[in-house]
mmCIF file of all heavy atoms, coordinates in Angstrom:
data_MODEL
# 
_entry.id   MODEL 
# 
loop_
_atom_site.group_PDB 
_atom_site.id 
_atom_site.type_symbol 
_atom_site.label_atom_id 
_atom_site.label_alt_id 
_atom_site.label_comp_id 
_atom_site.label_asym_id 
_atom_site.label_entity_id 
_atom_site.label_seq_id 
_atom_site.pdbx_PDB_ins_code 
_atom_site.Cartn_x 
_atom_site.Cartn_y 
_atom_site.Cartn_z 
_atom_site.occupancy 
_atom_site.B_iso_or_equiv 
_atom_site.pdbx_formal_charge 
_atom_site.auth_seq_id 
_atom_site.auth_comp_id 
_atom_site.auth_asym_id 
_atom_site.auth_atom_id 
_atom_site.pdbx_PDB_model_num 
ATOM 1   N N   . SER A 1 1  ? 105.919 144.486 99.744  1.00 0.00 ? 1  SER A N   1 
ATOM 2   C CA  . SER A 1 1  ? 104.741 145.071 100.377 1.00 0.00 ? 1  SER A CA  1 
ATOM 3   C C   . SER A 1 1  ? 103.518 144.998 99.470  1.00 0.00 ? 1  SER A C   1 
ATOM 4   O O   . SER A 1 1  ? 102.401 144.892 99.940  1.00 0.00 ? 1  SER A O   1 
ATOM 5   C CB  . SER A 1 1  ? 105.005 146.521 100.793 1.00 0.00 ? 1  SER A CB  1 
ATOM 6   O OG  . SER A 1 1  ? 105.273 147.309 99.654  1.00 0.00 ? 1  SER A OG  1 
ATOM 7   N N   . ALA A 1 2  ? 103.722 145.043 98.159  1.00 0.00 ? 2  ALA A N   1 
ATOM 8   C CA  . ALA A 1 2  ? 102.592 144.928 97.235  1.00 0.00 ? 2  ALA A CA  1 
ATOM 9   C C   . ALA A 1 2  ? 101.943 143.554 97.367  1.00 0.00 ? 2  ALA A C   1 
ATOM 10  O O   . ALA A 1 2  ? 100.729 143.416 97.325  1.00 0.00 ? 2  ALA A O   1 
ATOM 11  C CB  . ALA A 1 2  ? 103.048 145.158 95.807  1.00 0.00 ? 2  ALA A CB  1 
ATOM 12  N N   . ILE A 1 3  ? 102.760 142.545 97.550  1.00 0.00 ? 3  ILE A N   1 
ATOM 13  C CA  . ILE A 1 3  ? 102.231 141.200 97.715  1.00 0.00 ? 3  ILE A CA  1 
ATOM 14  C C   . ILE A 1 3  ? 101.626 141.043 99.105  1.00 0.00 ? 3  ILE A C   1 
ATOM 15  O O   . ILE A 1 3  ? 100.535 140.520 99.264  1.00 0.00 ? 3  ILE A O   1 
ATOM 16  C CB  . ILE A 1 3  ? 103.336 140.145 97.485  1.00 0.00 ? 3  ILE A CB  1 
ATOM 17  C CG1 . ILE A 1 3  ? 103.807 140.212 96.031  1.00 0.00 ? 3  ILE A CG1 1 
ATOM 18  C CG2 . ILE A 1 3  ? 102.844 138.754 97.827  1.00 0.00 ? 3  ILE A CG2 1 
ATOM 19  C CD1 . ILE A 1 3  ? 105.041 139.403 95.748  1.00 0.00 ? 3  ILE A CD1 1 
ATOM 20  N N   . LEU A 1 4  ? 102.314 141.537 100.098 1.00 0.00 ? 4  LEU A N   1 
ATOM 21  C CA  . LEU A 1 4  ? 101.834 141.385 101.462 1.00 0.00 ? 4  LEU A CA  1 
ATOM 22  C C   . LEU A 1 4  ? 100.543 142.163 101.709 1.00 0.00 ? 4  LEU A C   1 
ATOM 23  O O   . LEU A 1 4  ? 99.756  141.783 102.556 1.00 0.00 ? 4  LEU A O   1 
ATOM 24  C CB  . LEU A 1 4  ? 102.897 141.854 102.456 1.00 0.00 ? 4  LEU A CB  1 
ATOM 25  C CG  . LEU A 1 4  ? 104.141 140.987 102.550 1.00 0.00 ? 4  LEU A CG  1 
ATOM 26  C CD1 . LEU A 1 4  ? 105.152 141.616 103.491 1.00 0.00 ? 4  LEU A CD1 1 
ATOM 27  C CD2 . LEU A 1 4  ? 103.793 139.583 102.995 1.00 0.00 ? 4  LEU A CD2 1 
ATOM 28  N N   . ALA A 1 5  ? 100.329 143.246 100.964 1.00 0.00 ? 5  ALA A N   1 
ATOM 29  C CA  . ALA A 1 5  ? 99.162  144.083 101.213 1.00 0.00 ? 5  ALA A CA  1 
ATOM 30  C C   . ALA A 1 5  ? 97.890  143.527 100.580 1.00 0.00 ? 5  ALA A C   1 
ATOM 31  O O   . ALA A 1 5  ? 96.826  144.072 100.796 1.00 0.00 ? 5  ALA A O   1 
ATOM 32  C CB  . ALA A 1 5  ? 99.424  145.498 100.726 1.00 0.00 ? 5  ALA A CB  1 
ATOM 33  N N   . ALA A 1 6  ? 97.979  142.467 99.807  1.00 0.00 ? 6  ALA A N   1 
ATOM 34  C CA  . ALA A 1 6  ? 96.788  141.890 99.186  1.00 0.00 ? 6  ALA A CA  1 
ATOM 35  C C   . ALA A 1 6  ? 95.836  141.378 100.262 1.00 0.00 ? 6  ALA A C   1 
ATOM 36  O O   . ALA A 1 6  ? 96.249  140.854 101.287 1.00 0.00 ? 6  ALA A O   1 
ATOM 37  C CB  . ALA A 1 6  ? 97.183  140.759 98.250  1.00 0.00 ? 6  ALA A CB  1 
ATOM 38  N N   . MET A 1 7  ? 94.547  141.549 100.013 1.00 0.00 ? 7  MET A N   1 
ATOM 39  C CA  . MET A 1 7  ? 93.536  141.108 100.969 1.00 0.00 ? 7  MET A CA  1 
ATOM 40  C C   . MET A 1 7  ? 93.045  139.705 100.586 1.00 0.00 ? 7  MET A C   1 
ATOM 41  O O   . MET A 1 7  ? 92.903  139.400 99.409  1.00 0.00 ? 7  MET A O   1 
ATOM 42  C CB  . MET A 1 7  ? 92.361  142.087 100.989 1.00 0.00 ? 7  MET A CB  1 
ATOM 43  C CG  . MET A 1 7  ? 91.452  141.871 102.172 1.00 0.00 ? 7  MET A CG  1 
ATOM 44  S SD  . MET A 1 7  ? 90.099  143.060 102.277 1.00 0.00 ? 7  MET A SD  1 
ATOM 45  C CE  . MET A 1 7  ? 90.943  144.592 102.332 1.00 0.00 ? 7  MET A CE  1 
ATOM 46  N N   . SER A 1 8  ? 92.790  138.899 101.575 1.00 0.00 ? 8  SER A N   1 
ATOM 47  C CA  . SER A 1 8  ? 92.313  137.533 101.336 1.00 0.00 ? 8  SER A CA  1 
ATOM 48  C C   . SER A 1 8  ? 90.882  137.548 100.809 1.00 0.00 ? 8  SER A C   1 
ATOM 49  O O   . SER A 1 8  ? 90.190  138.567 100.865 1.00 0.00 ? 8  SER A O   1 
ATOM 50  C CB  . SER A 1 8  ? 92.360  136.725 102.629 1.00 0.00 ? 8  SER A CB  1 
ATOM 51  O OG  . SER A 1 8  ? 91.316  137.136 103.505 1.00 0.00 ? 8  SER A OG  1 
ATOM 52  N N   . ASP A 1 9  ? 90.439  136.417 100.355 1.00 0.00 ? 9  ASP A N   1 
ATOM 53  C CA  . ASP A 1 9  ? 89.033  136.234 100.021 1.00 0.00 ? 9  ASP A CA  1 
ATOM 54  C C   . ASP A 1 9  ? 88.226  136.241 101.317 1.00 0.00 ? 9  ASP A C   1 
ATOM 55  O O   . ASP A 1 9  ? 88.768  136.049 102.403 1.00 0.00 ? 9  ASP A O   1 
ATOM 56  C CB  . ASP A 1 9  ? 88.823  134.890 99.305  1.00 0.00 ? 9  ASP A CB  1 
ATOM 57  C CG  . ASP A 1 9  ? 89.454  134.873 97.921  1.00 0.00 ? 9  ASP A CG  1 
ATOM 58  O OD1 . ASP A 1 9  ? 89.572  135.950 97.298  1.00 0.00 ? 9  ASP A OD1 1 
ATOM 59  O OD2 . ASP A 1 9  ? 89.832  133.778 97.469  1.00 0.00 ? 9  ASP A OD2 1 
ATOM 60  N N   . THR A 1 10 ? 86.931  136.428 101.178 1.00 0.00 ? 10 THR A N   1 
ATOM 61  C CA  . THR A 1 10 ? 86.041  136.398 102.336 1.00 0.00 ? 10 THR A CA  1 
ATOM 62  C C   . THR A 1 10 ? 85.961  134.980 102.881 1.00 0.00 ? 10 THR A C   1 
ATOM 63  O O   . THR A 1 10 ? 85.803  134.019 102.127 1.00 0.00 ? 10 THR A O   1 
ATOM 64  C CB  . THR A 1 10 ? 84.640  136.883 101.937 1.00 0.00 ? 10 THR A CB  1 
ATOM 65  O OG1 . THR A 1 10 ? 84.752  138.222 101.420 1.00 0.00 ? 10 THR A OG1 1 
ATOM 66  C CG2 . THR A 1 10 ? 83.696  136.877 103.125 1.00 0.00 ? 10 THR A CG2 1 
ATOM 67  N N   . LYS A 1 11 ? 86.071  134.867 104.194 1.00 0.00 ? 11 LYS A N   1 
ATOM 68  C CA  . LYS A 1 11 ? 85.976  133.570 104.871 1.00 0.00 ? 11 LYS A CA  1 
ATOM 69  C C   . LYS A 1 11 ? 84.871  133.650 105.914 1.00 0.00 ? 11 LYS A C   1 
ATOM 70  O O   . LYS A 1 11 ? 84.556  134.728 106.416 1.00 0.00 ? 11 LYS A O   1 
ATOM 71  C CB  . LYS A 1 11 ? 87.304  133.234 105.554 1.00 0.00 ? 11 LYS A CB  1 
ATOM 72  C CG  . LYS A 1 11 ? 88.470  133.170 104.592 1.00 0.00 ? 11 LYS A CG  1 
ATOM 73  C CD  . LYS A 1 11 ? 89.774  132.971 105.325 1.00 0.00 ? 11 LYS A CD  1 
ATOM 74  C CE  . LYS A 1 11 ? 90.925  133.009 104.331 1.00 0.00 ? 11 LYS A CE  1 
ATOM 75  N NZ  . LYS A 1 11 ? 92.209  132.836 104.960 1.00 0.00 ? 11 LYS A NZ  1 
ATOM 76  N N   . ASP A 1 12 ? 84.298  132.510 106.236 1.00 0.00 ? 12 ASP A N   1 
ATOM 77  C CA  . ASP A 1 12 ? 83.289  132.464 107.295 1.00 0.00 ? 12 ASP A CA  1 
ATOM 78  C C   . ASP A 1 12 ? 83.958  132.671 108.649 1.00 0.00 ? 12 ASP A C   1 
ATOM 79  O O   . ASP A 1 12 ? 85.102  132.239 108.860 1.00 0.00 ? 12 ASP A O   1 
ATOM 80  C CB  . ASP A 1 12 ? 82.562  131.118 107.300 1.00 0.00 ? 12 ASP A CB  1 
ATOM 81  C CG  . ASP A 1 12 ? 81.642  130.953 106.099 1.00 0.00 ? 12 ASP A CG  1 
ATOM 82  O OD1 . ASP A 1 12 ? 81.177  131.972 105.549 1.00 0.00 ? 12 ASP A OD1 1 
ATOM 83  O OD2 . ASP A 1 12 ? 81.386  129.803 105.710 1.00 0.00 ? 12 ASP A OD2 1 
ATOM 84  N N   . GLY A 1 13 ? 83.227  133.332 109.554 1.00 0.00 ? 13 GLY A N   1 
ATOM 85  C CA  . GLY A 1 13 ? 83.732  133.525 110.903 1.00 0.00 ? 13 GLY A CA  1 
ATOM 86  C C   . GLY A 1 13 ? 84.086  132.199 111.543 1.00 0.00 ? 13 GLY A C   1 
ATOM 87  O O   . GLY A 1 13 ? 83.424  131.189 111.319 1.00 0.00 ? 13 GLY A O   1 
ATOM 88  N N   . ASP A 1 14 ? 85.142  132.186 112.325 1.00 0.00 ? 14 ASP A N   1 
ATOM 89  C CA  . ASP A 1 14 ? 85.576  130.966 113.000 1.00 0.00 ? 14 ASP A CA  1 
ATOM 90  C C   . ASP A 1 14 ? 85.892  131.302 114.460 1.00 0.00 ? 14 ASP A C   1 
ATOM 91  O O   . ASP A 1 14 ? 85.721  132.434 114.907 1.00 0.00 ? 14 ASP A O   1 
ATOM 92  C CB  . ASP A 1 14 ? 86.774  130.336 112.288 1.00 0.00 ? 14 ASP A CB  1 
ATOM 93  C CG  . ASP A 1 14 ? 87.958  131.285 112.135 1.00 0.00 ? 14 ASP A CG  1 
ATOM 94  O OD1 . ASP A 1 14 ? 88.038  132.289 112.881 1.00 0.00 ? 14 ASP A OD1 1 
ATOM 95  O OD2 . ASP A 1 14 ? 88.809  131.034 111.275 1.00 0.00 ? 14 ASP A OD2 1 
ATOM 96  N N   . GLU A 1 15 ? 86.338  130.309 115.187 1.00 0.00 ? 15 GLU A N   1 
ATOM 97  C CA  . GLU A 1 15 ? 86.595  130.487 116.622 1.00 0.00 ? 15 GLU A CA  1 
ATOM 98  C C   . GLU A 1 15 ? 87.656  131.553 116.879 1.00 0.00 ? 15 GLU A C   1 
ATOM 99  O O   . GLU A 1 15 ? 87.510  132.392 117.775 1.00 0.00 ? 15 GLU A O   1 
ATOM 100 C CB  . GLU A 1 15 ? 87.031  129.160 117.253 1.00 0.00 ? 15 GLU A CB  1 
ATOM 101 C CG  . GLU A 1 15 ? 87.181  129.232 118.750 1.00 0.00 ? 15 GLU A CG  1 
ATOM 102 C CD  . GLU A 1 15 ? 87.520  127.884 119.362 1.00 0.00 ? 15 GLU A CD  1 
ATOM 103 O OE1 . GLU A 1 15 ? 87.047  126.851 118.853 1.00 0.00 ? 15 GLU A OE1 1 
ATOM 104 O OE2 . GLU A 1 15 ? 88.265  127.883 120.367 1.00 0.00 ? 15 GLU A OE2 1 
ATOM 105 N N   . GLU A 1 16 ? 88.726  131.562 116.089 1.00 0.00 ? 16 GLU A N   1 
ATOM 106 C CA  . GLU A 1 16 ? 89.795  132.550 116.279 1.00 0.00 ? 16 GLU A CA  1 
ATOM 107 C C   . GLU A 1 16 ? 89.284  133.972 116.037 1.00 0.00 ? 16 GLU A C   1 
ATOM 108 O O   . GLU A 1 16 ? 89.577  134.891 116.813 1.00 0.00 ? 16 GLU A O   1 
ATOM 109 C CB  . GLU A 1 16 ? 90.958  132.256 115.331 1.00 0.00 ? 16 GLU A CB  1 
ATOM 110 C CG  . GLU A 1 16 ? 92.098  133.241 115.469 1.00 0.00 ? 16 GLU A CG  1 
ATOM 111 C CD  . GLU A 1 16 ? 93.235  132.958 114.499 1.00 0.00 ? 16 GLU A CD  1 
ATOM 112 O OE1 . GLU A 1 16 ? 93.223  131.948 113.794 1.00 0.00 ? 16 GLU A OE1 1 
ATOM 113 O OE2 . GLU A 1 16 ? 94.154  133.806 114.459 1.00 0.00 ? 16 GLU A OE2 1 
ATOM 114 N N   . THR A 1 17 ? 88.489  134.137 114.980 1.00 0.00 ? 17 THR A N   1 
ATOM 115 C CA  . THR A 1 17 ? 87.938  135.465 114.678 1.00 0.00 ? 17 THR A CA  1 
ATOM 116 C C   . THR A 1 17 ? 86.964  135.903 115.760 1.00 0.00 ? 17 THR A C   1 
ATOM 117 O O   . THR A 1 17 ? 86.935  137.076 116.148 1.00 0.00 ? 17 THR A O   1 
ATOM 118 C CB  . THR A 1 17 ? 87.249  135.450 113.300 1.00 0.00 ? 17 THR A CB  1 
ATOM 119 O OG1 . THR A 1 17 ? 88.150  134.905 112.338 1.00 0.00 ? 17 THR A OG1 1 
ATOM 120 C CG2 . THR A 1 17 ? 86.856  136.849 112.872 1.00 0.00 ? 17 THR A CG2 1 
ATOM 121 N N   . GLN A 1 18 ? 86.190  134.973 116.281 1.00 0.00 ? 18 GLN A N   1 
ATOM 122 C CA  . GLN A 1 18 ? 85.263  135.307 117.361 1.00 0.00 ? 18 GLN A CA  1 
ATOM 123 C C   . GLN A 1 18 ? 86.024  135.743 118.608 1.00 0.00 ? 18 GLN A C   1 
ATOM 124 O O   . GLN A 1 18 ? 85.620  136.676 119.294 1.00 0.00 ? 18 GLN A O   1 
ATOM 125 C CB  . GLN A 1 18 ? 84.344  134.122 117.677 1.00 0.00 ? 18 GLN A CB  1 
ATOM 126 C CG  . GLN A 1 18 ? 83.296  134.445 118.732 1.00 0.00 ? 18 GLN A CG  1 
ATOM 127 C CD  . GLN A 1 18 ? 82.372  135.587 118.309 1.00 0.00 ? 18 GLN A CD  1 
ATOM 128 O OE1 . GLN A 1 18 ? 81.805  135.544 117.224 1.00 0.00 ? 18 GLN A OE1 1 
ATOM 129 N NE2 . GLN A 1 18 ? 82.215  136.594 119.149 1.00 0.00 ? 18 GLN A NE2 1 
ATOM 130 N N   . GLN A 1 19 ? 87.137  135.088 118.903 1.00 0.00 ? 19 GLN A N   1 
ATOM 131 C CA  . GLN A 1 19 ? 87.944  135.475 120.056 1.00 0.00 ? 19 GLN A CA  1 
ATOM 132 C C   . GLN A 1 19 ? 88.476  136.898 119.900 1.00 0.00 ? 19 GLN A C   1 
ATOM 133 O O   . GLN A 1 19 ? 88.512  137.660 120.867 1.00 0.00 ? 19 GLN A O   1 
ATOM 134 C CB  . GLN A 1 19 ? 89.095  134.491 120.264 1.00 0.00 ? 19 GLN A CB  1 
ATOM 135 C CG  . GLN A 1 19 ? 88.647  133.148 120.792 1.00 0.00 ? 19 GLN A CG  1 
ATOM 136 C CD  . GLN A 1 19 ? 89.795  132.146 120.887 1.00 0.00 ? 19 GLN A CD  1 
ATOM 137 O OE1 . GLN A 1 19 ? 90.920  132.430 120.500 1.00 0.00 ? 19 GLN A OE1 1 
ATOM 138 N NE2 . GLN A 1 19 ? 89.501  130.968 121.404 1.00 0.00 ? 19 GLN A NE2 1 
ATOM 139 N N   . ILE A 1 20 ? 88.868  137.263 118.683 1.00 0.00 ? 20 ILE A N   1 
ATOM 140 C CA  . ILE A 1 20 ? 89.329  138.623 118.421 1.00 0.00 ? 20 ILE A CA  1 
ATOM 141 C C   . ILE A 1 20 ? 88.187  139.608 118.654 1.00 0.00 ? 20 ILE A C   1 
ATOM 142 O O   . ILE A 1 20 ? 88.366  140.654 119.291 1.00 0.00 ? 20 ILE A O   1 
ATOM 143 C CB  . ILE A 1 20 ? 89.900  138.739 116.999 1.00 0.00 ? 20 ILE A CB  1 
ATOM 144 C CG1 . ILE A 1 20 ? 91.193  137.925 116.902 1.00 0.00 ? 20 ILE A CG1 1 
ATOM 145 C CG2 . ILE A 1 20 ? 90.125  140.197 116.610 1.00 0.00 ? 20 ILE A CG2 1 
ATOM 146 C CD1 . ILE A 1 20 ? 91.695  137.701 115.494 1.00 0.00 ? 20 ILE A CD1 1 
ATOM 147 N N   . CYS A 1 21 ? 86.997  139.266 118.171 1.00 0.00 ? 21 CYS A N   1 
ATOM 148 C CA  . CYS A 1 21 ? 85.829  140.122 118.392 1.00 0.00 ? 21 CYS A CA  1 
ATOM 149 C C   . CYS A 1 21 ? 85.550  140.281 119.876 1.00 0.00 ? 21 CYS A C   1 
ATOM 150 O O   . CYS A 1 21 ? 85.251  141.393 120.341 1.00 0.00 ? 21 CYS A O   1 
ATOM 151 C CB  . CYS A 1 21 ? 84.601  139.549 117.685 1.00 0.00 ? 21 CYS A CB  1 
ATOM 152 S SG  . CYS A 1 21 ? 84.652  139.773 115.902 1.00 0.00 ? 21 CYS A SG  1 
ATOM 153 N N   . ASN A 1 22 ? 85.639  139.203 120.611 1.00 0.00 ? 22 ASN A N   1 
ATOM 154 C CA  . ASN A 1 22 ? 85.414  139.271 122.059 1.00 0.00 ? 22 ASN A CA  1 
ATOM 155 C C   . ASN A 1 22 ? 86.419  140.205 122.725 1.00 0.00 ? 22 ASN A C   1 
ATOM 156 O O   . ASN A 1 22 ? 86.077  140.934 123.664 1.00 0.00 ? 22 ASN A O   1 
ATOM 157 C CB  . ASN A 1 22 ? 85.500  137.883 122.683 1.00 0.00 ? 22 ASN A CB  1 
ATOM 158 C CG  . ASN A 1 22 ? 84.387  136.961 122.225 1.00 0.00 ? 22 ASN A CG  1 
ATOM 159 O OD1 . ASN A 1 22 ? 83.379  137.398 121.669 1.00 0.00 ? 22 ASN A OD1 1 
ATOM 160 N ND2 . ASN A 1 22 ? 84.582  135.668 122.419 1.00 0.00 ? 22 ASN A ND2 1 
ATOM 161 N N   . GLN A 1 23 ? 87.662  140.209 122.237 1.00 0.00 ? 23 GLN A N   1 
ATOM 162 C CA  . GLN A 1 23 ? 88.709  141.044 122.832 1.00 0.00 ? 23 GLN A CA  1 
ATOM 163 C C   . GLN A 1 23 ? 88.478  142.530 122.570 1.00 0.00 ? 23 GLN A C   1 
ATOM 164 O O   . GLN A 1 23 ? 88.875  143.368 123.384 1.00 0.00 ? 23 GLN A O   1 
ATOM 165 C CB  . GLN A 1 23 ? 90.083  140.635 122.303 1.00 0.00 ? 23 GLN A CB  1 
ATOM 166 C CG  . GLN A 1 23 ? 90.525  139.278 122.810 1.00 0.00 ? 23 GLN A CG  1 
ATOM 167 C CD  . GLN A 1 23 ? 91.830  138.831 122.171 1.00 0.00 ? 23 GLN A CD  1 
ATOM 168 O OE1 . GLN A 1 23 ? 92.396  139.505 121.322 1.00 0.00 ? 23 GLN A OE1 1 
ATOM 169 N NE2 . GLN A 1 23 ? 92.313  137.663 122.585 1.00 0.00 ? 23 GLN A NE2 1 
ATOM 170 N N   . VAL A 1 24 ? 87.866  142.875 121.435 1.00 0.00 ? 24 VAL A N   1 
ATOM 171 C CA  . VAL A 1 24 ? 87.682  144.303 121.101 1.00 0.00 ? 24 VAL A CA  1 
ATOM 172 C C   . VAL A 1 24 ? 86.256  144.793 121.359 1.00 0.00 ? 24 VAL A C   1 
ATOM 173 O O   . VAL A 1 24 ? 85.968  145.970 121.154 1.00 0.00 ? 24 VAL A O   1 
ATOM 174 C CB  . VAL A 1 24 ? 88.090  144.605 119.638 1.00 0.00 ? 24 VAL A CB  1 
ATOM 175 C CG1 . VAL A 1 24 ? 89.557  144.264 119.410 1.00 0.00 ? 24 VAL A CG1 1 
ATOM 176 C CG2 . VAL A 1 24 ? 87.185  143.908 118.647 1.00 0.00 ? 24 VAL A CG2 1 
# 
């Protein structure tokens, strides 16, 4: 869980992230 809980680096918004935003 310590490894899994690490946060990624910042990435630019993409189509998949925009779709998630549209859903919420």
